[in-house]
Structures are given as structure tokens and as C-alpha cells.
Amino acid sequence: MSTVNVHEAKTHFSRLLEQVHAGEQVIIAKNGKPYARLCPLEAPPRRQPGLLEGTVGEEFFEPLPEEELEAWEG
């Protein structure tokens, strides 16, 4: 983990992003006081279809009544 001041972070932002992408954390400090941390994002969990039980009935695909359509469309 490295600490850089705001001016250096603005000047070398692309380089810092490369370090973070490689797995390192970077602390950004202002007047020697830590203000923010740059850290790599975790990959989002992979979606797996079919985790919920049950089925969708045919009524789901029927057109909505006029009153409900008006409520949705304002």
C-alpha cells in the first residue's frame, strides 16, 4: 500500500490506476492526512439463471387492463 498526496495523485492518476488494477491499494492524502483509498473492484458475482423456484403463469403475458396502463403511463 502506498500513500500519495493530492497533487501527485492528480499528476500521475493513470499510473496509480495501473497500480490499483494490479491489486495494490493507494491512499490519497491531503496535508499528510489520509482522505481516500483507491482499491481494486471485486468482480461482480456471476448470475446463474434458475435459482428461484416456480413458474410464470400465462396471465403474466396477458395485456394489462386500461386502468392499470393509465396508472403506469400517468
Protein backbone atom coordinates (compact mmCIF):
# COMPACT_ATOMS: atom_id res chain seq x y z
CA MET A 1 0.00 0.00 0.00
CA SER A 2 1.37 3.40 -0.93
CA THR A 3 0.37 6.91 0.13
CA VAL A 4 0.44 9.88 -2.24
CA ASN A 5 -0.57 13.49 -1.83
CA VAL A 6 -3.39 15.05 -3.86
CA HIS A 7 -1.05 16.89 -6.25
CA GLU A 8 0.87 13.70 -7.07
CA ALA A 9 -2.40 11.78 -7.46
CA LYS A 10 -3.68 14.33 -9.99
CA THR A 11 -0.37 14.34 -11.85
CA HIS A 12 0.07 10.56 -12.00
CA PHE A 13 -3.53 9.34 -11.89
CA SER A 14 -3.14 6.89 -14.80
CA ARG A 15 -0.08 5.30 -13.19
CA LEU A 16 -1.93 4.98 -9.88
CA LEU A 17 -4.87 3.31 -11.64
CA GLU A 18 -2.47 0.78 -13.15
CA GLN A 19 -1.10 0.02 -9.67
CA VAL A 20 -4.62 -0.43 -8.33
CA HIS A 21 -5.57 -2.63 -11.27
CA ALA A 22 -2.56 -4.81 -10.39
CA GLY A 23 -4.02 -5.31 -6.91
CA GLU A 24 -2.31 -2.60 -4.85
CA GLN A 25 -4.17 -0.14 -2.64
CA VAL A 26 -3.29 3.56 -2.80
CA ILE A 27 -4.08 6.07 -0.07
CA ILE A 28 -4.59 9.68 -1.17
CA ALA A 29 -3.63 12.21 1.50
CA LYS A 30 -4.10 15.96 1.88
CA ASN A 31 -1.54 17.72 4.08
CA GLY A 32 -0.37 14.31 5.25
CA LYS A 33 -3.86 13.32 6.40
CA PRO A 34 -5.44 10.27 4.66
CA TYR A 35 -8.57 11.29 2.72
CA ALA A 36 -9.37 8.44 0.35
CA ARG A 37 -8.37 4.94 -0.63
CA LEU A 38 -8.15 3.62 -4.18
CA CYS A 39 -8.62 -0.13 -4.26
CA PRO A 40 -9.45 -2.67 -6.97
CA LEU A 41 -13.08 -3.58 -7.50
CA GLU A 42 -14.17 -7.13 -6.95
CA ALA A 43 -15.66 -8.88 -9.94
CA PRO A 44 -19.45 -8.96 -9.68
CA PRO A 45 -20.87 -12.38 -8.87
CA ARG A 46 -21.77 -14.37 -11.91
CA ARG A 47 -25.52 -14.60 -12.45
CA GLN A 48 -26.97 -18.08 -12.55
CA PRO A 49 -30.45 -18.38 -14.02
CA GLY A 50 -32.96 -20.70 -12.48
CA LEU A 51 -32.22 -20.08 -8.80
CA LEU A 52 -35.84 -19.21 -7.98
CA GLU A 53 -38.46 -21.90 -7.79
CA GLY A 54 -41.83 -21.73 -9.51
CA THR A 55 -43.13 -20.77 -12.90
CA VAL A 56 -44.76 -17.79 -14.54
CA GLY A 57 -48.40 -18.34 -15.42
CA GLU A 58 -49.95 -17.44 -18.78
CA GLU A 59 -51.79 -14.49 -17.17
CA PHE A 60 -48.40 -12.77 -16.82
CA PHE A 61 -48.30 -12.31 -20.60
CA GLU A 62 -51.84 -11.00 -20.97
CA PRO A 63 -52.30 -7.27 -21.69
CA LEU A 64 -52.88 -5.04 -18.67
CA PRO A 65 -56.32 -3.55 -18.06
CA GLU A 66 -56.75 0.07 -19.26
CA GLU A 67 -56.90 1.45 -15.68
CA GLU A 68 -53.55 -0.09 -14.82
CA LEU A 69 -51.96 1.09 -18.06
CA GLU A 70 -53.12 4.64 -17.30
CA ALA A 71 -51.67 4.40 -13.79
CA TRP A 72 -48.27 3.35 -15.20
CA GLU A 73 -48.21 5.86 -18.03
CA GLY A 74 -49.54 8.75 -15.94
